[in-house]
Amino acid sequence: MKEAFDQIHADEELKERTKQFLAEKTDGYRKKKVRSYRTWIPAAACLVIFLIAGGYWSFFLPTAAIQIEVNPSLEMEVNRFGRVLSLEGKNEDGEKLAGELNLRFLSYDEAVDRILENDQIAALLNQNEILSLVVIGENKQSQDIMAFVEELEQTQHNIDCCHATESEAHEAEEAGLGYGKYRAYLELKKLDPDVTTEEVANMTMSELYERIRELEASSGTQTDTQTSTGTETGGGGGHHHHGHRNDE
């Protein structure tokens, strides 16, 4: 019996050791789970940083541009959310005006409205100067912006609008001109081969169109397509026409 009880005692010790062993294993398993969970924390942090950085990059990436030329020449870059990222003066008058306007992060339509309401721009339009609005881009957003500026052309005084691809805008930039003025320059050059981009850069849009009309009248020719509201200029892939001009 003593041997039997001793065996039972031995079994109890075995059970106790087994319990301790299992407890140790269970704790170890839990610790491993905790350690495994903790290894996800840096990965999750990296993912959050990546998403934030991606959103930041997306917000500050220009996806379209709007050029505004009357004599001050401006270019506005717009992001995919329709917000203004930058406003750059493309000539001396434009640089001065851009420094006076604070349009960053406004929606592009509000920014354009503010430019048109600017005292200097409004005064020029009241003097029958022509303002050129050019939308640069080749995506759905540029089409939406184009629809907006076309509506302005129908409702505002002395506004022309047209569309340009990035390559067309780059060609104009290499000539030292905004795209609206560059198109007028190409039309003028057909009538006056000696005209230079330097001459055109110092002319207003209305002066350019007036020069074109004078040369057309003296030569008995006209541009490729002429409407009752104005003269369409050739060259490039977008449409371009004079709108609501009191001097015609």
C-alpha atoms as a PDB file:
ATOM      1  CA  MET A   1       0.000   0.000   0.000  1.00  0.00           C
ATOM      2  CA  LYS A   2       2.904   2.271   0.828  1.00  0.00           C
ATOM      3  CA  GLU A   3       4.320   1.688  -2.594  1.00  0.00           C
ATOM      4  CA  ALA A   4       0.887   2.297  -4.104  1.00  0.00           C
ATOM      5  CA  PHE A   5       0.460   5.594  -2.222  1.00  0.00           C
ATOM      6  CA  ASP A   6       3.990   6.571  -3.115  1.00  0.00           C
ATOM      7  CA  GLN A   7       3.061   6.017  -6.760  1.00  0.00           C
ATOM      8  CA  ILE A   8      -0.018   8.196  -6.360  1.00  0.00           C
ATOM      9  CA  HIS A   9       2.130  10.872  -4.761  1.00  0.00           C
ATOM     10  CA  ALA A  10       4.506  10.618  -7.628  1.00  0.00           C
ATOM     11  CA  ASP A  11       1.564  11.059 -10.021  1.00  0.00           C
ATOM     12  CA  GLU A  12       0.455  14.194  -8.161  1.00  0.00           C
ATOM     13  CA  GLU A  13       3.943  15.636  -8.478  1.00  0.00           C
ATOM     14  CA  LEU A  14       3.861  14.801 -12.127  1.00  0.00           C
ATOM     15  CA  LYS A  15       0.504  16.535 -12.461  1.00  0.00           C
ATOM     16  CA  GLU A  16       1.833  19.584 -10.640  1.00  0.00           C
ATOM     17  CA  ARG A  17       4.912  19.742 -12.847  1.00  0.00           C
ATOM     18  CA  THR A  18       2.708  19.283 -15.865  1.00  0.00           C
ATOM     19  CA  LYS A  19       0.461  22.169 -14.739  1.00  0.00           C
ATOM     20  CA  GLN A  20       3.508  24.326 -14.209  1.00  0.00           C
ATOM     21  CA  PHE A  21       4.868  23.332 -17.587  1.00  0.00           C
ATOM     22  CA  LEU A  22       1.573  24.125 -19.294  1.00  0.00           C
ATOM     23  CA  ALA A  23       1.325  27.404 -17.424  1.00  0.00           C
ATOM     24  CA  GLU A  24       4.782  28.340 -18.560  1.00  0.00           C
ATOM     25  CA  LYS A  25       3.935  27.357 -22.114  1.00  0.00           C
ATOM     26  CA  THR A  26       0.688  29.314 -22.030  1.00  0.00           C
ATOM     27  CA  ASP A  27       2.445  32.396 -20.692  1.00  0.00           C
ATOM     28  CA  GLY A  28       5.084  32.012 -23.314  1.00  0.00           C
ATOM     29  CA  TYR A  29       2.438  31.721 -26.009  1.00  0.00           C
ATOM     30  CA  ARG A  30       0.741  34.871 -24.761  1.00  0.00           C
ATOM     31  CA  LYS A  31       4.014  36.730 -24.723  1.00  0.00           C
ATOM     32  CA  LYS A  32       4.664  35.625 -28.249  1.00  0.00           C
ATOM     33  CA  LYS A  33       1.242  36.915 -29.225  1.00  0.00           C
ATOM     34  CA  VAL A  34       2.016  40.224 -27.565  1.00  0.00           C
ATOM     35  CA  ARG A  35       5.362  40.356 -29.292  1.00  0.00           C
ATOM     36  CA  SER A  36       3.714  39.463 -32.593  1.00  0.00           C
ATOM     37  CA  TYR A  37       1.132  42.199 -32.047  1.00  0.00           C
ATOM     38  CA  ARG A  38       3.862  44.669 -31.233  1.00  0.00           C
ATOM     39  CA  THR A  39       5.649  43.889 -34.465  1.00  0.00           C
ATOM     40  CA  TRP A  40       2.560  45.197 -36.318  1.00  0.00           C
ATOM     41  CA  ILE A  41       2.771  48.597 -34.645  1.00  0.00           C
ATOM     42  CA  PRO A  42       5.732  49.893 -36.724  1.00  0.00           C
ATOM     43  CA  ALA A  43       4.181  48.433 -39.874  1.00  0.00           C
ATOM     44  CA  ALA A  44       0.865  50.133 -39.134  1.00  0.00           C
ATOM     45  CA  ALA A  45       2.671  53.394 -38.414  1.00  0.00           C
ATOM     46  CA  CYS A  46       4.495  53.121 -41.740  1.00  0.00           C
ATOM     47  CA  LEU A  47       1.183  52.537 -43.506  1.00  0.00           C
ATOM     48  CA  VAL A  48      -0.364  55.604 -41.878  1.00  0.00           C
ATOM     49  CA  ILE A  49       2.666  57.705 -42.814  1.00  0.00           C
ATOM     50  CA  PHE A  50       2.488  56.371 -46.373  1.00  0.00           C
ATOM     51  CA  LEU A  51      -1.206  57.264 -46.657  1.00  0.00           C
ATOM     52  CA  ILE A  52      -0.628  60.733 -45.228  1.00  0.00           C
ATOM     53  CA  ALA A  53       2.365  61.321 -47.491  1.00  0.00           C
ATOM     54  CA  GLY A  54       0.390  60.049 -50.486  1.00  0.00           C
ATOM     55  CA  GLY A  55      -2.489  62.376 -49.666  1.00  0.00           C
ATOM     56  CA  TYR A  56      -0.060  65.259 -49.196  1.00  0.00           C
ATOM     57  CA  TRP A  57       1.598  64.531 -52.532  1.00  0.00           C
ATOM     58  CA  SER A  58      -1.793  64.227 -54.235  1.00  0.00           C
ATOM     59  CA  PHE A  59      -2.986  67.548 -52.807  1.00  0.00           C
ATOM     60  CA  PHE A  60       0.096  69.479 -53.913  1.00  0.00           C
ATOM     61  CA  LEU A  61       0.340  67.924 -57.372  1.00  0.00           C
ATOM     62  CA  PRO A  62      -0.901  70.331 -60.100  1.00  0.00           C
ATOM     63  CA  THR A  63      -3.305  68.663 -62.532  1.00  0.00           C
ATOM     64  CA  ALA A  64      -4.472  71.666 -64.606  1.00  0.00           C
ATOM     65  CA  ALA A  65      -3.625  75.322 -65.144  1.00  0.00           C
ATOM     66  CA  ILE A  66      -5.435  78.513 -66.080  1.00  0.00           C
ATOM     67  CA  GLN A  67      -3.691  81.367 -67.876  1.00  0.00           C
ATOM     68  CA  ILE A  68      -5.145  84.878 -67.624  1.00  0.00           C
ATOM     69  CA  GLU A  69      -3.862  87.532 -70.001  1.00  0.00           C
ATOM     70  CA  VAL A  70      -4.964  91.080 -70.558  1.00  0.00           C
ATOM     71  CA  ASN A  71      -1.681  92.869 -70.160  1.00  0.00           C
ATOM     72  CA  PRO A  72      -0.864  91.546 -66.735  1.00  0.00           C
ATOM     73  CA  SER A  73      -0.204  87.908 -67.568  1.00  0.00           C
ATOM     74  CA  LEU A  74      -0.892  85.291 -64.881  1.00  0.00           C
ATOM     75  CA  GLU A  75      -0.833  81.526 -64.592  1.00  0.00           C
ATOM     76  CA  MET A  76      -2.730  79.645 -61.903  1.00  0.00           C
ATOM     77  CA  GLU A  77      -1.964  76.001 -61.086  1.00  0.00           C
ATOM     78  CA  VAL A  78      -4.848  73.875 -59.793  1.00  0.00           C
ATOM     79  CA  ASN A  79      -4.783  70.507 -58.001  1.00  0.00           C
ATOM     80  CA  ARG A  80      -7.105  67.548 -58.541  1.00  0.00           C
ATOM     81  CA  PHE A  81      -9.459  68.937 -55.896  1.00  0.00           C
ATOM     82  CA  GLY A  82      -9.907  72.202 -57.815  1.00  0.00           C
ATOM     83  CA  ARG A  83      -7.826  74.226 -55.360  1.00  0.00           C
ATOM     84  CA  VAL A  84      -5.296  76.866 -56.370  1.00  0.00           C
ATOM     85  CA  LEU A  85      -1.729  75.800 -55.619  1.00  0.00           C
ATOM     86  CA  SER A  86       0.091  78.797 -57.053  1.00  0.00           C
ATOM     87  CA  LEU A  87      -0.371  82.069 -58.912  1.00  0.00           C
ATOM     88  CA  GLU A  88       2.585  83.150 -61.023  1.00  0.00           C
ATOM     89  CA  GLY A  89       3.105  86.372 -62.923  1.00  0.00           C
ATOM     90  CA  LYS A  90       4.286  85.698 -66.466  1.00  0.00           C
ATOM     91  CA  ASN A  91       5.403  89.272 -67.143  1.00  0.00           C
ATOM     92  CA  GLU A  92       6.376  92.285 -65.040  1.00  0.00           C
ATOM     93  CA  ASP A  93       2.805  93.521 -64.598  1.00  0.00           C
ATOM     94  CA  GLY A  94       1.679  89.988 -63.847  1.00  0.00           C
ATOM     95  CA  GLU A  95       4.333  89.502 -61.167  1.00  0.00           C
ATOM     96  CA  LYS A  96       3.226  92.688 -59.455  1.00  0.00           C
ATOM     97  CA  LEU A  97      -0.438  91.681 -59.549  1.00  0.00           C
ATOM     98  CA  ALA A  98       0.297  88.131 -58.366  1.00  0.00           C
ATOM     99  CA  GLY A  99       2.095  89.592 -55.351  1.00  0.00           C
ATOM    100  CA  GLU A 100      -1.027  91.561 -54.435  1.00  0.00           C
ATOM    101  CA  LEU A 101      -3.437  88.627 -54.682  1.00  0.00           C
ATOM    102  CA  ASN A 102      -3.737  85.904 -52.069  1.00  0.00           C
ATOM    103  CA  LEU A 103      -5.572  83.084 -53.846  1.00  0.00           C
ATOM    104  CA  ARG A 104      -3.788  79.974 -52.587  1.00  0.00           C
ATOM    105  CA  PHE A 105      -6.088  77.070 -51.717  1.00  0.00           C
ATOM    106  CA  LEU A 106      -9.192  78.886 -52.985  1.00  0.00           C
ATOM    107  CA  SER A 107     -11.360  77.008 -55.455  1.00  0.00           C
ATOM    108  CA  TYR A 108     -10.368  77.909 -59.006  1.00  0.00           C
ATOM    109  CA  ASP A 109     -13.752  79.480 -59.794  1.00  0.00           C
ATOM    110  CA  GLU A 110     -13.587  81.761 -56.759  1.00  0.00           C
ATOM    111  CA  ALA A 111      -9.976  82.637 -57.631  1.00  0.00           C
ATOM    112  CA  VAL A 112     -10.913  83.589 -61.209  1.00  0.00           C
ATOM    113  CA  ASP A 113     -13.816  85.675 -59.918  1.00  0.00           C
ATOM    114  CA  ARG A 114     -11.482  87.538 -57.575  1.00  0.00           C
ATOM    115  CA  ILE A 115      -9.068  88.267 -60.405  1.00  0.00           C
ATOM    116  CA  LEU A 116     -11.889  89.638 -62.545  1.00  0.00           C
ATOM    117  CA  GLU A 117     -13.052  91.768 -59.601  1.00  0.00           C
ATOM    118  CA  ASN A 118      -9.562  93.171 -59.044  1.00  0.00           C
ATOM    119  CA  ASP A 119      -9.580  96.950 -59.537  1.00  0.00           C
ATOM    120  CA  GLN A 120      -6.825  96.876 -62.152  1.00  0.00           C
ATOM    121  CA  ILE A 121      -8.408  94.079 -64.196  1.00  0.00           C
ATOM    122  CA  ALA A 122     -11.907  95.540 -63.911  1.00  0.00           C
ATOM    123  CA  ALA A 123     -10.622  98.938 -65.078  1.00  0.00           C
ATOM    124  CA  LEU A 124      -8.941  97.359 -68.111  1.00  0.00           C
ATOM    125  CA  LEU A 125     -12.095  95.483 -69.072  1.00  0.00           C
ATOM    126  CA  ASN A 126     -14.113  98.687 -68.730  1.00  0.00           C
ATOM    127  CA  GLN A 127     -11.675 100.272 -71.202  1.00  0.00           C
ATOM    128  CA  ASN A 128     -12.612  97.564 -73.730  1.00  0.00           C
ATOM    129  CA  GLU A 129      -9.436  95.579 -73.182  1.00  0.00           C
ATOM    130  CA  ILE A 130      -9.778  91.877 -73.955  1.00  0.00           C
ATOM    131  CA  LEU A 131      -8.997  89.270 -71.318  1.00  0.00           C
ATOM    132  CA  SER A 132      -7.851  85.836 -72.484  1.00  0.00           C
ATOM    133  CA  LEU A 133      -8.635  82.787 -70.362  1.00  0.00           C
ATOM    134  CA  VAL A 134      -6.762  79.638 -71.349  1.00  0.00           C
ATOM    135  CA  VAL A 135      -7.338  76.239 -69.729  1.00  0.00           C
ATOM    136  CA  ILE A 136      -4.307  73.945 -69.924  1.00  0.00           C
ATOM    137  CA  GLY A 137      -4.727  70.217 -69.427  1.00  0.00           C
ATOM    138  CA  GLU A 138      -5.822  66.997 -71.058  1.00  0.00           C
ATOM    139  CA  ASN A 139      -8.053  65.393 -68.424  1.00  0.00           C
ATOM    140  CA  LYS A 140     -11.677  65.461 -67.290  1.00  0.00           C
ATOM    141  CA  GLN A 141     -10.915  68.234 -64.832  1.00  0.00           C
ATOM    142  CA  SER A 142      -9.671  70.548 -67.597  1.00  0.00           C
ATOM    143  CA  GLN A 143     -12.947  69.923 -69.441  1.00  0.00           C
ATOM    144  CA  ASP A 144     -14.904  70.971 -66.347  1.00  0.00           C
ATOM    145  CA  ILE A 145     -12.788  74.120 -65.967  1.00  0.00           C
ATOM    146  CA  MET A 146     -13.276  74.841 -69.667  1.00  0.00           C
ATOM    147  CA  ALA A 147     -17.053  74.670 -69.207  1.00  0.00           C
ATOM    148  CA  PHE A 148     -16.741  77.208 -66.390  1.00  0.00           C
ATOM    149  CA  VAL A 149     -14.671  79.702 -68.411  1.00  0.00           C
ATOM    150  CA  GLU A 150     -16.940  79.298 -71.446  1.00  0.00           C
ATOM    151  CA  GLU A 151     -19.846  80.312 -69.235  1.00  0.00           C
ATOM    152  CA  LEU A 152     -17.841  83.346 -68.128  1.00  0.00           C
ATOM    153  CA  GLU A 153     -17.258  84.202 -71.768  1.00  0.00           C
ATOM    154  CA  GLN A 154     -21.002  84.299 -72.320  1.00  0.00           C
ATOM    155  CA  THR A 155     -21.793  86.395 -69.270  1.00  0.00           C
ATOM    156  CA  GLN A 156     -18.768  88.628 -68.728  1.00  0.00           C
ATOM    157  CA  HIS A 157     -17.538  91.581 -70.745  1.00  0.00           C
ATOM    158  CA  ASN A 158     -14.672  91.212 -73.248  1.00  0.00           C
ATOM    159  CA  ILE A 159     -13.516  87.726 -72.342  1.00  0.00           C
ATOM    160  CA  ASP A 160     -11.987  85.168 -74.731  1.00  0.00           C
ATOM    161  CA  CYS A 161     -11.459  81.565 -73.741  1.00  0.00           C
ATOM    162  CA  CYS A 162      -9.652  78.618 -75.291  1.00  0.00           C
ATOM    163  CA  HIS A 163      -8.112  75.286 -74.411  1.00  0.00           C
ATOM    164  CA  ALA A 164      -4.497  74.197 -74.813  1.00  0.00           C
ATOM    165  CA  THR A 165      -2.647  70.951 -74.350  1.00  0.00           C
ATOM    166  CA  GLU A 166       0.484  70.929 -72.237  1.00  0.00           C
ATOM    167  CA  SER A 167       2.672  70.674 -75.335  1.00  0.00           C
ATOM    168  CA  GLU A 168       0.945  73.691 -76.921  1.00  0.00           C
ATOM    169  CA  ALA A 169       1.351  75.693 -73.737  1.00  0.00           C
ATOM    170  CA  HIS A 170       5.018  74.680 -73.600  1.00  0.00           C
ATOM    171  CA  GLU A 171       5.511  75.864 -77.183  1.00  0.00           C
ATOM    172  CA  ALA A 172       4.030  79.236 -76.273  1.00  0.00           C
ATOM    173  CA  GLU A 173       6.202  79.451 -73.159  1.00  0.00           C
ATOM    174  CA  GLU A 174       9.323  78.805 -75.230  1.00  0.00           C
ATOM    175  CA  ALA A 175       8.297  81.785 -77.355  1.00  0.00           C
ATOM    176  CA  GLY A 176       8.056  83.883 -74.184  1.00  0.00           C
ATOM    177  CA  LEU A 177       4.276  84.298 -74.420  1.00  0.00           C
ATOM    178  CA  GLY A 178       1.147  83.074 -72.744  1.00  0.00           C
ATOM    179  CA  TYR A 179      -0.887  80.742 -74.909  1.00  0.00           C
ATOM    180  CA  GLY A 180      -3.707  83.205 -75.631  1.00  0.00           C
ATOM    181  CA  LYS A 181      -1.272  85.836 -76.831  1.00  0.00           C
ATOM    182  CA  TYR A 182       0.780  83.212 -78.688  1.00  0.00           C
ATOM    183  CA  ARG A 183      -2.252  82.162 -80.733  1.00  0.00           C
ATOM    184  CA  ALA A 184      -2.916  85.790 -81.634  1.00  0.00           C
ATOM    185  CA  TYR A 185       0.769  86.139 -82.544  1.00  0.00           C
ATOM    186  CA  LEU A 186       0.533  83.173 -84.937  1.00  0.00           C
ATOM    187  CA  GLU A 187      -2.472  84.754 -86.638  1.00  0.00           C
ATOM    188  CA  LEU A 188      -0.775  88.130 -86.844  1.00  0.00           C
ATOM    189  CA  LYS A 189       2.357  86.554 -88.282  1.00  0.00           C
ATOM    190  CA  LYS A 190       0.329  85.227 -91.211  1.00  0.00           C
ATOM    191  CA  LEU A 191      -0.495  88.841 -92.061  1.00  0.00           C
ATOM    192  CA  ASP A 192       2.815  90.397 -90.993  1.00  0.00           C
ATOM    193  CA  PRO A 193       5.722  87.944 -91.298  1.00  0.00           C
ATOM    194  CA  ASP A 194       8.119  90.481 -89.768  1.00  0.00           C
ATOM    195  CA  VAL A 195       6.332  90.698 -86.428  1.00  0.00           C
ATOM    196  CA  THR A 196       8.334  89.317 -83.497  1.00  0.00           C
ATOM    197  CA  THR A 197       7.376  87.734 -80.199  1.00  0.00           C
ATOM    198  CA  GLU A 198       9.146  90.605 -78.430  1.00  0.00           C
ATOM    199  CA  GLU A 199       6.780  93.105 -80.070  1.00  0.00           C
ATOM    200  CA  VAL A 200       3.753  90.992 -79.210  1.00  0.00           C
ATOM    201  CA  ALA A 201       4.848  90.548 -75.590  1.00  0.00           C
ATOM    202  CA  ASN A 202       4.509  94.312 -75.046  1.00  0.00           C
ATOM    203  CA  MET A 203       1.067  94.548 -76.664  1.00  0.00           C
ATOM    204  CA  THR A 204      -2.279  94.110 -74.969  1.00  0.00           C
ATOM    205  CA  MET A 205      -4.724  91.532 -76.288  1.00  0.00           C
ATOM    206  CA  SER A 206      -6.965  94.246 -77.732  1.00  0.00           C
ATOM    207  CA  GLU A 207      -3.984  95.863 -79.469  1.00  0.00           C
ATOM    208  CA  LEU A 208      -3.137  92.526 -81.020  1.00  0.00           C
ATOM    209  CA  TYR A 209      -6.643  91.937 -82.322  1.00  0.00           C
ATOM    210  CA  GLU A 210      -6.897  95.515 -83.561  1.00  0.00           C
ATOM    211  CA  ARG A 211      -3.649  95.038 -85.484  1.00  0.00           C
ATOM    212  CA  ILE A 212      -4.998  91.841 -87.021  1.00  0.00           C
ATOM    213  CA  ARG A 213      -8.219  93.586 -88.101  1.00  0.00           C
ATOM    214  CA  GLU A 214      -6.299  96.487 -89.632  1.00  0.00           C
ATOM    215  CA  LEU A 215      -4.053  94.171 -91.654  1.00  0.00           C
ATOM    216  CA  GLU A 216      -7.021  92.095 -92.745  1.00  0.00           C
ATOM    217  CA  ALA A 217      -8.804  95.237 -93.926  1.00  0.00           C
ATOM    218  CA  SER A 218      -5.783  96.563 -95.803  1.00  0.00           C
ATOM    219  CA  SER A 219      -5.054  93.242 -97.496  1.00  0.00           C
ATOM    220  CA  GLY A 220      -8.657  92.372 -98.199  1.00  0.00           C
ATOM    221  CA  THR A 221      -8.314  89.087 -96.356  1.00  0.00           C
ATOM    222  CA  GLN A 222      -9.675  87.715 -93.139  1.00  0.00           C
ATOM    223  CA  THR A 223      -8.879  84.922 -90.729  1.00  0.00           C
ATOM    224  CA  ASP A 224      -9.974  81.389 -91.482  1.00  0.00           C
ATOM    225  CA  THR A 225     -13.286  81.736 -89.658  1.00  0.00           C
ATOM    226  CA  GLN A 226     -14.913  85.031 -88.803  1.00  0.00           C
ATOM    227  CA  THR A 227     -18.176  85.437 -86.924  1.00  0.00           C
ATOM    228  CA  SER A 228     -20.447  88.329 -86.167  1.00  0.00           C
ATOM    229  CA  THR A 229     -19.056  88.523 -82.642  1.00  0.00           C
ATOM    230  CA  GLY A 230     -15.399  88.462 -83.560  1.00  0.00           C
ATOM    231  CA  THR A 231     -12.509  86.811 -85.282  1.00  0.00           C
ATOM    232  CA  GLU A 232     -11.377  83.303 -84.546  1.00  0.00           C
ATOM    233  CA  THR A 233      -7.646  82.802 -84.684  1.00  0.00           C
ATOM    234  CA  GLY A 234      -6.009  79.810 -86.258  1.00  0.00           C
ATOM    235  CA  GLY A 235      -3.246  77.567 -84.995  1.00  0.00           C
ATOM    236  CA  GLY A 236      -3.245  75.107 -82.149  1.00  0.00           C
ATOM    237  CA  GLY A 237      -5.848  72.563 -81.231  1.00  0.00           C
ATOM    238  CA  GLY A 238      -8.310  74.535 -79.090  1.00  0.00           C
ATOM    239  CA  HIS A 239     -11.032  76.944 -80.036  1.00  0.00           C
ATOM    240  CA  HIS A 240     -10.565  80.655 -79.575  1.00  0.00           C
ATOM    241  CA  HIS A 241     -12.876  83.525 -80.289  1.00  0.00           C
ATOM    242  CA  HIS A 242     -13.569  87.068 -79.244  1.00  0.00           C
ATOM    243  CA  GLY A 243     -16.621  87.541 -77.119  1.00  0.00           C
ATOM    244  CA  HIS A 244     -18.891  90.489 -76.364  1.00  0.00           C
ATOM    245  CA  ARG A 245     -16.646  93.261 -77.506  1.00  0.00           C
ATOM    246  CA  ASN A 246     -18.118  96.755 -77.531  1.00  0.00           C
ATOM    247  CA  ASP A 247     -15.645  98.025 -80.091  1.00  0.00           C
ATOM    248  CA  GLU A 248     -16.919  95.745 -82.816  1.00  0.00           C
END
